[in-house]
Amino acid sequence: MTENHKHHTNSHLRNTFFSEIGIGISANSILLLFHILKFTSGHRPKTTDLPIGLLALIHLMMLLVMAFIAKDFFISRSGWDDITCKFLVYLYRIFRGLALCTTSLLSVLQAIILSPRNSCLAKFKHISPYHMLCALLFMSIFYMFISSHLLVSIIATPNLTLNNFMYVTQSCSILPMNYLMQSTFSTLLALREAFLISLMVLSTCYMMTLLCRHKKKSQYLHSTRLSPKASPEERATQTILMLMSFFVLMSILDIIISCSRTMFLNDPTSYYIQLFVIHIYAMVSPFVFMSTEKHIGNLLRSISERVINV
């Protein structure tokens, strides 16, 4: 282990990171289980249930893969070969891309639900789950293509220490690419990130505008001191607004740390901070979604009673 990577054995970093991963896996598992039971129990699903359930599944798979990869950060093991490095890192990047696509889709979908009948988005209100899955599949295939360079550039770390290799895990490194290939994939990746985050920002601003208009209208119509109770659509919109704002903030912070890591190629501290920041949203979002579900407590209580009675 090189001097730059002595940070791997830091117990505080290891415990903090694995705690984040463990909490995220548990929370997303509960959220996914809730939506599966909701679909199978005959409850009429809301339009946002499918993307929220998909997001929980994607976050769960992403965190499980990350938990396996994290063992190579902090726990000394026999080195992985090229195939293992390529498969795990590529699979993890695919799930990260799917999480971004699904989050963007959820934001746009909620903006469509909230839009008034006379708006140009009203014709998309009756969008089917089939169309949502098709849109997600198209974005996933595109992201798989622009991440395909990882299948070439990720290699098992050679025994010789070379300065131009970028550290990924103790066993895996990124092979330097030529300028043209690196510029092409970096541009495609940046365009994808900018497009999806821009969709989230635009839909978030649109929803905030609609909520402000509705609030002013409600205050005008209701002369009582008590404010009118928010509708389920408004509560769902407020939840998604909060999550989208948090996601965009974490994405900006991720970009800043990533640029810092590019400047300091083998700095492990910025790398671990970046990994921690990347997974905060996957850990926090299921708790926020579950807090808005009134039936989740009753459903989990009934499940526990059935288990006890068996």
C-alpha atoms as a PDB file:
ATOM      1  CA  MET A   1       0.000   0.000   0.000  1.00  0.00           C
ATOM      2  CA  THR A   2       1.446   3.352  -0.987  1.00  0.00           C
ATOM      3  CA  GLU A   3       1.796   6.284   1.362  1.00  0.00           C
ATOM      4  CA  ASN A   4      -0.971   8.160  -0.505  1.00  0.00           C
ATOM      5  CA  HIS A   5      -3.418   5.386   0.272  1.00  0.00           C
ATOM      6  CA  LYS A   6      -2.790   4.864   3.989  1.00  0.00           C
ATOM      7  CA  HIS A   7      -6.148   6.568   4.445  1.00  0.00           C
ATOM      8  CA  HIS A   8      -7.804   3.267   3.553  1.00  0.00           C
ATOM      9  CA  THR A   9      -7.203   1.837   7.005  1.00  0.00           C
ATOM     10  CA  ASN A  10      -8.773   4.804   8.791  1.00  0.00           C
ATOM     11  CA  SER A  11     -11.472   3.204  10.944  1.00  0.00           C
ATOM     12  CA  HIS A  12     -13.534   6.408  11.186  1.00  0.00           C
ATOM     13  CA  LEU A  13     -13.770   6.718   7.403  1.00  0.00           C
ATOM     14  CA  ARG A  14     -14.574   3.028   7.060  1.00  0.00           C
ATOM     15  CA  ASN A  15     -17.288   3.030   9.724  1.00  0.00           C
ATOM     16  CA  THR A  16     -18.885   6.242   8.423  1.00  0.00           C
ATOM     17  CA  PHE A  17     -18.964   5.025   4.857  1.00  0.00           C
ATOM     18  CA  PHE A  18     -20.327   1.557   5.648  1.00  0.00           C
ATOM     19  CA  SER A  19     -22.922   3.093   7.986  1.00  0.00           C
ATOM     20  CA  GLU A  20     -24.145   5.293   5.147  1.00  0.00           C
ATOM     21  CA  ILE A  21     -24.308   2.307   2.785  1.00  0.00           C
ATOM     22  CA  GLY A  22     -26.054   0.119   5.380  1.00  0.00           C
ATOM     23  CA  ILE A  23     -28.706   2.727   6.221  1.00  0.00           C
ATOM     24  CA  GLY A  24     -29.326   3.361   2.526  1.00  0.00           C
ATOM     25  CA  ILE A  25     -29.727  -0.349   1.735  1.00  0.00           C
ATOM     26  CA  SER A  26     -32.169  -0.844   4.627  1.00  0.00           C
ATOM     27  CA  ALA A  27     -34.267   2.239   3.820  1.00  0.00           C
ATOM     28  CA  ASN A  28     -34.503   1.507   0.087  1.00  0.00           C
ATOM     29  CA  SER A  29     -35.370  -2.140   0.797  1.00  0.00           C
ATOM     30  CA  ILE A  30     -38.306  -1.058   2.993  1.00  0.00           C
ATOM     31  CA  LEU A  31     -39.493   1.484   0.423  1.00  0.00           C
ATOM     32  CA  LEU A  32     -39.260  -1.073  -2.395  1.00  0.00           C
ATOM     33  CA  LEU A  33     -41.080  -3.697  -0.311  1.00  0.00           C
ATOM     34  CA  PHE A  34     -43.838  -1.185   0.441  1.00  0.00           C
ATOM     35  CA  HIS A  35     -44.418  -0.445  -3.248  1.00  0.00           C
ATOM     36  CA  ILE A  36     -44.359  -4.143  -4.175  1.00  0.00           C
ATOM     37  CA  LEU A  37     -46.965  -4.906  -1.513  1.00  0.00           C
ATOM     38  CA  LYS A  38     -48.961  -1.882  -2.603  1.00  0.00           C
ATOM     39  CA  PHE A  39     -49.076  -3.148  -6.192  1.00  0.00           C
ATOM     40  CA  THR A  40     -49.887  -6.743  -5.204  1.00  0.00           C
ATOM     41  CA  SER A  41     -52.516  -5.866  -2.579  1.00  0.00           C
ATOM     42  CA  GLY A  42     -54.824  -4.253  -5.125  1.00  0.00           C
ATOM     43  CA  HIS A  43     -54.380  -0.633  -4.078  1.00  0.00           C
ATOM     44  CA  ARG A  44     -54.821   1.819  -6.920  1.00  0.00           C
ATOM     45  CA  PRO A  45     -51.286   3.076  -7.637  1.00  0.00           C
ATOM     46  CA  LYS A  46     -50.498   6.743  -8.079  1.00  0.00           C
ATOM     47  CA  THR A  47     -48.736   7.909 -11.233  1.00  0.00           C
ATOM     48  CA  THR A  48     -45.521   8.513  -9.313  1.00  0.00           C
ATOM     49  CA  ASP A  49     -45.506   5.095  -7.602  1.00  0.00           C
ATOM     50  CA  LEU A  50     -43.745   3.362 -10.504  1.00  0.00           C
ATOM     51  CA  PRO A  51     -40.778   5.784 -10.780  1.00  0.00           C
ATOM     52  CA  ILE A  52     -40.437   5.928  -6.975  1.00  0.00           C
ATOM     53  CA  GLY A  53     -40.400   2.121  -6.783  1.00  0.00           C
ATOM     54  CA  LEU A  54     -37.890   1.962  -9.643  1.00  0.00           C
ATOM     55  CA  LEU A  55     -35.721   4.569  -7.951  1.00  0.00           C
ATOM     56  CA  ALA A  56     -35.732   2.536  -4.723  1.00  0.00           C
ATOM     57  CA  LEU A  57     -34.714  -0.603  -6.668  1.00  0.00           C
ATOM     58  CA  ILE A  58     -31.948   1.238  -8.557  1.00  0.00           C
ATOM     59  CA  HIS A  59     -30.612   2.839  -5.364  1.00  0.00           C
ATOM     60  CA  LEU A  60     -30.692  -0.546  -3.651  1.00  0.00           C
ATOM     61  CA  MET A  61     -28.715  -2.242  -6.431  1.00  0.00           C
ATOM     62  CA  MET A  62     -26.280   0.679  -6.663  1.00  0.00           C
ATOM     63  CA  LEU A  63     -25.584   0.589  -2.914  1.00  0.00           C
ATOM     64  CA  LEU A  64     -25.172  -3.201  -2.916  1.00  0.00           C
ATOM     65  CA  VAL A  65     -22.582  -2.998  -5.694  1.00  0.00           C
ATOM     66  CA  MET A  66     -20.923  -0.085  -3.891  1.00  0.00           C
ATOM     67  CA  ALA A  67     -20.789  -2.105  -0.653  1.00  0.00           C
ATOM     68  CA  PHE A  68     -18.909  -4.851  -2.488  1.00  0.00           C
ATOM     69  CA  ILE A  69     -16.548  -2.346  -4.117  1.00  0.00           C
ATOM     70  CA  ALA A  70     -16.011  -0.563  -0.781  1.00  0.00           C
ATOM     71  CA  LYS A  71     -14.482  -3.716   0.660  1.00  0.00           C
ATOM     72  CA  ASP A  72     -11.592  -3.134  -1.714  1.00  0.00           C
ATOM     73  CA  PHE A  73     -11.202   0.412  -0.347  1.00  0.00           C
ATOM     74  CA  PHE A  74     -10.879  -0.389   3.323  1.00  0.00           C
ATOM     75  CA  ILE A  75     -10.327  -4.135   3.725  1.00  0.00           C
ATOM     76  CA  SER A  76      -7.167  -5.801   2.529  1.00  0.00           C
ATOM     77  CA  ARG A  77      -8.034  -8.611   0.121  1.00  0.00           C
ATOM     78  CA  SER A  78      -6.454 -10.450  -2.756  1.00  0.00           C
ATOM     79  CA  GLY A  79      -6.412  -8.301  -5.856  1.00  0.00           C
ATOM     80  CA  TRP A  80      -9.176  -8.469  -8.446  1.00  0.00           C
ATOM     81  CA  ASP A  81      -8.479  -9.352 -12.059  1.00  0.00           C
ATOM     82  CA  ASP A  82      -9.332  -7.175 -15.072  1.00  0.00           C
ATOM     83  CA  ILE A  83     -12.742  -8.769 -15.680  1.00  0.00           C
ATOM     84  CA  THR A  84     -13.897  -8.242 -12.087  1.00  0.00           C
ATOM     85  CA  CYS A  85     -12.737  -4.614 -12.104  1.00  0.00           C
ATOM     86  CA  LYS A  86     -14.432  -3.852 -15.406  1.00  0.00           C
ATOM     87  CA  PHE A  87     -17.694  -5.581 -14.452  1.00  0.00           C
ATOM     88  CA  LEU A  88     -18.110  -4.018 -11.000  1.00  0.00           C
ATOM     89  CA  VAL A  89     -17.107  -0.462 -11.911  1.00  0.00           C
ATOM     90  CA  TYR A  90     -19.160  -0.480 -15.129  1.00  0.00           C
ATOM     91  CA  LEU A  91     -22.205  -1.951 -13.359  1.00  0.00           C
ATOM     92  CA  TYR A  92     -21.946   0.661 -10.624  1.00  0.00           C
ATOM     93  CA  ARG A  93     -21.733   3.508 -13.157  1.00  0.00           C
ATOM     94  CA  ILE A  94     -24.790   2.132 -14.975  1.00  0.00           C
ATOM     95  CA  PHE A  95     -26.849   2.167 -11.776  1.00  0.00           C
ATOM     96  CA  ARG A  96     -25.672   5.708 -11.032  1.00  0.00           C
ATOM     97  CA  GLY A  97     -26.798   6.790 -14.475  1.00  0.00           C
ATOM     98  CA  LEU A  98     -30.153   5.048 -14.035  1.00  0.00           C
ATOM     99  CA  ALA A  99     -30.637   6.829 -10.703  1.00  0.00           C
ATOM    100  CA  LEU A 100     -30.084  10.203 -12.366  1.00  0.00           C
ATOM    101  CA  CYS A 101     -32.430   9.343 -15.255  1.00  0.00           C
ATOM    102  CA  THR A 102     -35.191   8.125 -12.933  1.00  0.00           C
ATOM    103  CA  THR A 103     -34.872  11.146 -10.646  1.00  0.00           C
ATOM    104  CA  SER A 104     -35.168  13.464 -13.641  1.00  0.00           C
ATOM    105  CA  LEU A 105     -38.146  11.487 -14.949  1.00  0.00           C
ATOM    106  CA  LEU A 106     -39.858  11.721 -11.556  1.00  0.00           C
ATOM    107  CA  SER A 107     -39.374  15.486 -11.461  1.00  0.00           C
ATOM    108  CA  VAL A 108     -40.826  15.985 -14.950  1.00  0.00           C
ATOM    109  CA  LEU A 109     -43.708  13.610 -14.208  1.00  0.00           C
ATOM    110  CA  GLN A 110     -44.680  15.514 -11.062  1.00  0.00           C
ATOM    111  CA  ALA A 111     -44.598  18.795 -13.001  1.00  0.00           C
ATOM    112  CA  ILE A 112     -46.990  17.258 -15.561  1.00  0.00           C
ATOM    113  CA  ILE A 113     -49.335  16.067 -12.784  1.00  0.00           C
ATOM    114  CA  LEU A 114     -49.420  19.509 -11.194  1.00  0.00           C
ATOM    115  CA  SER A 115     -49.863  21.417 -14.462  1.00  0.00           C
ATOM    116  CA  PRO A 116     -53.302  23.030 -15.075  1.00  0.00           C
ATOM    117  CA  ARG A 117     -55.682  21.676 -17.703  1.00  0.00           C
ATOM    118  CA  ASN A 118     -55.097  24.546 -20.108  1.00  0.00           C
ATOM    119  CA  SER A 119     -51.305  24.148 -20.166  1.00  0.00           C
ATOM    120  CA  CYS A 120     -49.299  22.522 -22.926  1.00  0.00           C
ATOM    121  CA  LEU A 121     -48.312  19.718 -20.518  1.00  0.00           C
ATOM    122  CA  ALA A 122     -51.917  18.702 -19.871  1.00  0.00           C
ATOM    123  CA  LYS A 123     -51.932  16.271 -22.817  1.00  0.00           C
ATOM    124  CA  PHE A 124     -49.227  14.222 -21.063  1.00  0.00           C
ATOM    125  CA  LYS A 125     -51.279  13.775 -17.877  1.00  0.00           C
ATOM    126  CA  HIS A 126     -52.511  10.337 -18.913  1.00  0.00           C
ATOM    127  CA  ILE A 127     -49.069   9.009 -19.724  1.00  0.00           C
ATOM    128  CA  SER A 128     -48.874   5.244 -19.240  1.00  0.00           C
ATOM    129  CA  PRO A 129     -46.238   3.301 -17.272  1.00  0.00           C
ATOM    130  CA  TYR A 130     -45.224   1.740 -20.601  1.00  0.00           C
ATOM    131  CA  HIS A 131     -44.139   5.119 -21.977  1.00  0.00           C
ATOM    132  CA  MET A 132     -42.230   5.933 -18.779  1.00  0.00           C
ATOM    133  CA  LEU A 133     -40.357   2.635 -18.963  1.00  0.00           C
ATOM    134  CA  CYS A 134     -39.576   3.235 -22.650  1.00  0.00           C
ATOM    135  CA  ALA A 135     -38.163   6.684 -21.882  1.00  0.00           C
ATOM    136  CA  LEU A 136     -36.063   5.268 -19.051  1.00  0.00           C
ATOM    137  CA  LEU A 137     -34.850   2.404 -21.259  1.00  0.00           C
ATOM    138  CA  PHE A 138     -33.814   4.822 -24.021  1.00  0.00           C
ATOM    139  CA  MET A 139     -31.826   6.988 -21.583  1.00  0.00           C
ATOM    140  CA  SER A 140     -30.267   3.870 -20.052  1.00  0.00           C
ATOM    141  CA  ILE A 141     -29.044   2.559 -23.416  1.00  0.00           C
ATOM    142  CA  PHE A 142     -27.582   5.962 -24.235  1.00  0.00           C
ATOM    143  CA  TYR A 143     -25.758   6.059 -20.910  1.00  0.00           C
ATOM    144  CA  MET A 144     -24.477   2.499 -21.342  1.00  0.00           C
ATOM    145  CA  PHE A 145     -22.940   3.642 -24.636  1.00  0.00           C
ATOM    146  CA  ILE A 146     -21.207   6.738 -23.249  1.00  0.00           C
ATOM    147  CA  SER A 147     -19.889   4.707 -20.305  1.00  0.00           C
ATOM    148  CA  SER A 148     -18.578   1.887 -22.496  1.00  0.00           C
ATOM    149  CA  HIS A 149     -15.060   3.336 -22.407  1.00  0.00           C
ATOM    150  CA  LEU A 150     -14.827   1.983 -18.841  1.00  0.00           C
ATOM    151  CA  LEU A 151     -14.777  -1.534 -20.275  1.00  0.00           C
ATOM    152  CA  VAL A 152     -11.446  -0.580 -21.873  1.00  0.00           C
ATOM    153  CA  SER A 153      -9.953   1.949 -19.467  1.00  0.00           C
ATOM    154  CA  ILE A 154     -10.606   0.096 -16.174  1.00  0.00           C
ATOM    155  CA  ILE A 155      -7.845  -2.417 -15.474  1.00  0.00           C
ATOM    156  CA  ALA A 156      -6.426  -4.308 -12.545  1.00  0.00           C
ATOM    157  CA  THR A 157      -3.770  -2.131 -10.911  1.00  0.00           C
ATOM    158  CA  PRO A 158      -0.341  -3.243 -12.128  1.00  0.00           C
ATOM    159  CA  ASN A 159       2.370  -4.158  -9.651  1.00  0.00           C
ATOM    160  CA  LEU A 160       4.451  -1.190 -10.780  1.00  0.00           C
ATOM    161  CA  THR A 161       3.278   2.141  -9.356  1.00  0.00           C
ATOM    162  CA  LEU A 162       2.714   4.604 -12.192  1.00  0.00           C
ATOM    163  CA  ASN A 163       1.803   8.231 -11.648  1.00  0.00           C
ATOM    164  CA  ASN A 164      -0.475   8.501 -14.675  1.00  0.00           C
ATOM    165  CA  PHE A 165      -2.905   5.829 -13.419  1.00  0.00           C
ATOM    166  CA  MET A 166      -5.976   7.184 -11.601  1.00  0.00           C
ATOM    167  CA  TYR A 167      -6.886   5.289  -8.444  1.00  0.00           C
ATOM    168  CA  VAL A 168     -10.339   3.611  -8.303  1.00  0.00           C
ATOM    169  CA  THR A 169      -9.890   0.918  -5.646  1.00  0.00           C
ATOM    170  CA  GLN A 170      -6.893  -0.927  -4.256  1.00  0.00           C
ATOM    171  CA  SER A 171      -7.256  -3.483  -7.047  1.00  0.00           C
ATOM    172  CA  CYS A 172      -8.490  -1.279  -9.918  1.00  0.00           C
ATOM    173  CA  SER A 173      -7.205   1.776 -11.738  1.00  0.00           C
ATOM    174  CA  ILE A 174      -8.160   3.864 -14.766  1.00  0.00           C
ATOM    175  CA  LEU A 175      -5.823   3.518 -17.722  1.00  0.00           C
ATOM    176  CA  PRO A 176      -4.974   6.881 -19.323  1.00  0.00           C
ATOM    177  CA  MET A 177      -6.788   7.399 -22.656  1.00  0.00           C
ATOM    178  CA  ASN A 178      -5.727   9.426 -25.645  1.00  0.00           C
ATOM    179  CA  TYR A 179      -6.964  13.015 -25.841  1.00  0.00           C
ATOM    180  CA  LEU A 180      -9.583  12.417 -28.560  1.00  0.00           C
ATOM    181  CA  MET A 181     -11.271   9.468 -26.835  1.00  0.00           C
ATOM    182  CA  GLN A 182     -11.205  11.140 -23.440  1.00  0.00           C
ATOM    183  CA  SER A 183     -12.642  14.379 -24.859  1.00  0.00           C
ATOM    184  CA  THR A 184     -15.408  12.529 -26.733  1.00  0.00           C
ATOM    185  CA  PHE A 185     -16.680  10.525 -23.776  1.00  0.00           C
ATOM    186  CA  SER A 186     -16.259  13.423 -21.356  1.00  0.00           C
ATOM    187  CA  THR A 187     -18.294  15.688 -23.656  1.00  0.00           C
ATOM    188  CA  LEU A 188     -21.081  13.127 -24.030  1.00  0.00           C
ATOM    189  CA  LEU A 189     -21.176  12.563 -20.291  1.00  0.00           C
ATOM    190  CA  ALA A 190     -21.238  16.294 -19.578  1.00  0.00           C
ATOM    191  CA  LEU A 191     -24.073  16.806 -22.084  1.00  0.00           C
ATOM    192  CA  ARG A 192     -26.093  14.028 -20.491  1.00  0.00           C
ATOM    193  CA  GLU A 193     -25.565  15.428 -16.992  1.00  0.00           C
ATOM    194  CA  ALA A 194     -26.390  18.965 -18.127  1.00  0.00           C
ATOM    195  CA  PHE A 195     -29.547  17.847 -19.986  1.00  0.00           C
ATOM    196  CA  LEU A 196     -31.014  15.795 -17.127  1.00  0.00           C
ATOM    197  CA  ILE A 197     -30.129  18.281 -14.397  1.00  0.00           C
ATOM    198  CA  SER A 198     -31.534  21.102 -16.550  1.00  0.00           C
ATOM    199  CA  LEU A 199     -34.795  19.149 -16.852  1.00  0.00           C
ATOM    200  CA  MET A 200     -34.917  18.846 -13.077  1.00  0.00           C
ATOM    201  CA  VAL A 201     -34.189  22.542 -12.548  1.00  0.00           C
ATOM    202  CA  LEU A 202     -36.810  23.628 -15.116  1.00  0.00           C
ATOM    203  CA  SER A 203     -39.496  21.294 -13.757  1.00  0.00           C
ATOM    204  CA  THR A 204     -38.664  22.363 -10.192  1.00  0.00           C
ATOM    205  CA  CYS A 205     -38.968  26.067 -11.068  1.00  0.00           C
ATOM    206  CA  TYR A 206     -42.219  25.349 -12.913  1.00  0.00           C
ATOM    207  CA  MET A 207     -43.687  23.523  -9.905  1.00  0.00           C
ATOM    208  CA  MET A 208     -42.604  26.279  -7.537  1.00  0.00           C
ATOM    209  CA  THR A 209     -44.335  28.849  -9.761  1.00  0.00           C
ATOM    210  CA  LEU A 210     -47.551  26.808  -9.828  1.00  0.00           C
ATOM    211  CA  LEU A 211     -47.507  26.314  -6.057  1.00  0.00           C
ATOM    212  CA  CYS A 212     -46.976  30.035  -5.443  1.00  0.00           C
ATOM    213  CA  ARG A 213     -49.884  30.890  -7.734  1.00  0.00           C
ATOM    214  CA  HIS A 214     -52.122  28.350  -6.014  1.00  0.00           C
ATOM    215  CA  LYS A 215     -51.164  29.651  -2.582  1.00  0.00           C
ATOM    216  CA  LYS A 216     -51.996  33.245  -3.531  1.00  0.00           C
ATOM    217  CA  LYS A 217     -55.297  32.130  -5.008  1.00  0.00           C
ATOM    218  CA  SER A 218     -56.136  30.139  -1.870  1.00  0.00           C
ATOM    219  CA  GLN A 219     -55.298  33.070   0.398  1.00  0.00           C
ATOM    220  CA  TYR A 220     -57.551  35.279  -1.697  1.00  0.00           C
ATOM    221  CA  LEU A 221     -60.477  32.841  -1.648  1.00  0.00           C
ATOM    222  CA  HIS A 222     -60.219  31.926   2.031  1.00  0.00           C
ATOM    223  CA  SER A 223     -60.723  34.815   4.414  1.00  0.00           C
ATOM    224  CA  THR A 224     -60.396  32.710   7.558  1.00  0.00           C
ATOM    225  CA  ARG A 225     -57.283  32.823   9.664  1.00  0.00           C
ATOM    226  CA  LEU A 226     -56.635  29.134   9.210  1.00  0.00           C
ATOM    227  CA  SER A 227     -54.803  28.371   5.985  1.00  0.00           C
ATOM    228  CA  PRO A 228     -56.455  25.789   3.719  1.00  0.00           C
ATOM    229  CA  LYS A 229     -55.100  22.262   3.992  1.00  0.00           C
ATOM    230  CA  ALA A 230     -52.725  21.293   1.205  1.00  0.00           C
ATOM    231  CA  SER A 231     -53.990  18.695  -1.251  1.00  0.00           C
ATOM    232  CA  PRO A 232     -52.209  15.331  -1.687  1.00  0.00           C
ATOM    233  CA  GLU A 233     -50.820  16.552  -5.038  1.00  0.00           C
ATOM    234  CA  GLU A 234     -49.388  19.662  -3.385  1.00  0.00           C
ATOM    235  CA  ARG A 235     -47.836  17.639  -0.558  1.00  0.00           C
ATOM    236  CA  ALA A 236     -46.276  15.246  -3.079  1.00  0.00           C
ATOM    237  CA  THR A 237     -45.008  18.183  -5.106  1.00  0.00           C
ATOM    238  CA  GLN A 238     -43.453  19.804  -2.041  1.00  0.00           C
ATOM    239  CA  THR A 239     -41.700  16.526  -1.212  1.00  0.00           C
ATOM    240  CA  ILE A 240     -40.311  16.143  -4.729  1.00  0.00           C
ATOM    241  CA  LEU A 241     -39.318  19.811  -4.812  1.00  0.00           C
ATOM    242  CA  MET A 242     -37.284  19.307  -1.657  1.00  0.00           C
ATOM    243  CA  LEU A 243     -35.654  16.157  -3.008  1.00  0.00           C
ATOM    244  CA  MET A 244     -34.861  17.691  -6.399  1.00  0.00           C
ATOM    245  CA  SER A 245     -33.271  20.735  -4.770  1.00  0.00           C
ATOM    246  CA  PHE A 246     -31.222  18.456  -2.536  1.00  0.00           C
ATOM    247  CA  PHE A 247     -30.211  16.284  -5.507  1.00  0.00           C
ATOM    248  CA  VAL A 248     -29.083  19.276  -7.583  1.00  0.00           C
ATOM    249  CA  LEU A 249     -27.100  20.599  -4.612  1.00  0.00           C
ATOM    250  CA  MET A 250     -25.353  17.242  -4.131  1.00  0.00           C
ATOM    251  CA  SER A 251     -24.650  17.048  -7.897  1.00  0.00           C
ATOM    252  CA  ILE A 252     -23.000  20.474  -7.884  1.00  0.00           C
ATOM    253  CA  LEU A 253     -20.932  19.500  -4.850  1.00  0.00           C
ATOM    254  CA  ASP A 254     -19.959  16.248  -6.592  1.00  0.00           C
ATOM    255  CA  ILE A 255     -18.763  18.190  -9.665  1.00  0.00           C
ATOM    256  CA  ILE A 256     -16.676  20.534  -7.506  1.00  0.00           C
ATOM    257  CA  ILE A 257     -15.024  17.645  -5.650  1.00  0.00           C
ATOM    258  CA  SER A 258     -14.511  15.746  -8.914  1.00  0.00           C
ATOM    259  CA  CYS A 259     -12.680  18.740 -10.418  1.00  0.00           C
ATOM    260  CA  SER A 260     -10.573  18.940  -7.286  1.00  0.00           C
ATOM    261  CA  ARG A 261      -9.723  15.262  -7.597  1.00  0.00           C
ATOM    262  CA  THR A 262      -8.700  15.749 -11.237  1.00  0.00           C
ATOM    263  CA  MET A 263      -6.213  18.393 -10.125  1.00  0.00           C
ATOM    264  CA  PHE A 264      -4.830  16.135  -7.369  1.00  0.00           C
ATOM    265  CA  LEU A 265      -4.808  12.778  -9.113  1.00  0.00           C
ATOM    266  CA  ASN A 266      -3.993  10.453  -6.203  1.00  0.00           C
ATOM    267  CA  ASP A 267      -5.494  12.369  -3.304  1.00  0.00           C
ATOM    268  CA  PRO A 268      -7.585   9.794  -1.377  1.00  0.00           C
ATOM    269  CA  THR A 269      -9.259  12.332   0.913  1.00  0.00           C
ATOM    270  CA  SER A 270     -11.166  14.128  -1.865  1.00  0.00           C
ATOM    271  CA  TYR A 271     -12.037  10.737  -3.380  1.00  0.00           C
ATOM    272  CA  TYR A 272     -13.658   9.443  -0.169  1.00  0.00           C
ATOM    273  CA  ILE A 273     -15.493  12.726   0.381  1.00  0.00           C
ATOM    274  CA  GLN A 274     -16.819  12.481  -3.180  1.00  0.00           C
ATOM    275  CA  LEU A 275     -18.025   8.904  -2.621  1.00  0.00           C
ATOM    276  CA  PHE A 276     -19.770   9.913   0.595  1.00  0.00           C
ATOM    277  CA  VAL A 277     -21.491  12.885  -1.090  1.00  0.00           C
ATOM    278  CA  ILE A 278     -22.598  10.766  -4.071  1.00  0.00           C
ATOM    279  CA  HIS A 279     -24.560   8.357  -1.868  1.00  0.00           C
ATOM    280  CA  ILE A 280     -26.188  10.856   0.514  1.00  0.00           C
ATOM    281  CA  TYR A 281     -29.215  11.263  -1.771  1.00  0.00           C
ATOM    282  CA  ALA A 282     -29.667   7.488  -2.100  1.00  0.00           C
ATOM    283  CA  MET A 283     -29.667   7.247   1.705  1.00  0.00           C
ATOM    284  CA  VAL A 284     -31.959  10.227   2.443  1.00  0.00           C
ATOM    285  CA  SER A 285     -34.569   9.984  -0.338  1.00  0.00           C
ATOM    286  CA  PRO A 286     -36.360   6.783   0.837  1.00  0.00           C
ATOM    287  CA  PHE A 287     -36.953   8.315   4.291  1.00  0.00           C
ATOM    288  CA  VAL A 288     -38.505  11.398   2.695  1.00  0.00           C
ATOM    289  CA  PHE A 289     -40.739   9.307   0.426  1.00  0.00           C
ATOM    290  CA  MET A 290     -41.822   7.084   3.324  1.00  0.00           C
ATOM    291  CA  SER A 291     -42.639  10.088   5.497  1.00  0.00           C
ATOM    292  CA  THR A 292     -45.309  11.133   2.982  1.00  0.00           C
ATOM    293  CA  GLU A 293     -46.958   7.704   2.845  1.00  0.00           C
ATOM    294  CA  LYS A 294     -49.715   7.484   5.454  1.00  0.00           C
ATOM    295  CA  HIS A 295     -50.369   3.794   4.797  1.00  0.00           C
ATOM    296  CA  ILE A 296     -46.790   2.563   5.208  1.00  0.00           C
ATOM    297  CA  GLY A 297     -47.020   2.377   9.002  1.00  0.00           C
ATOM    298  CA  ASN A 298     -50.250   0.360   8.870  1.00  0.00           C
ATOM    299  CA  LEU A 299     -48.857  -1.883   6.159  1.00  0.00           C
ATOM    300  CA  LEU A 300     -45.621  -2.626   8.023  1.00  0.00           C
ATOM    301  CA  ARG A 301     -47.600  -3.200  11.236  1.00  0.00           C
ATOM    302  CA  SER A 302     -49.873  -5.709   9.538  1.00  0.00           C
ATOM    303  CA  ILE A 303     -46.878  -7.527   8.051  1.00  0.00           C
ATOM    304  CA  SER A 304     -45.176  -7.790  11.453  1.00  0.00           C
ATOM    305  CA  GLU A 305     -48.394  -9.134  12.992  1.00  0.00           C
ATOM    306  CA  ARG A 306     -48.651 -11.784  10.283  1.00  0.00           C
ATOM    307  CA  VAL A 307     -45.036 -12.821  10.853  1.00  0.00           C
ATOM    308  CA  ILE A 308     -45.603 -13.073  14.606  1.00  0.00           C
ATOM    309  CA  ASN A 309     -48.787 -15.136  14.182  1.00  0.00           C
ATOM    310  CA  VAL A 310     -47.174 -17.590  11.781  1.00  0.00           C
END
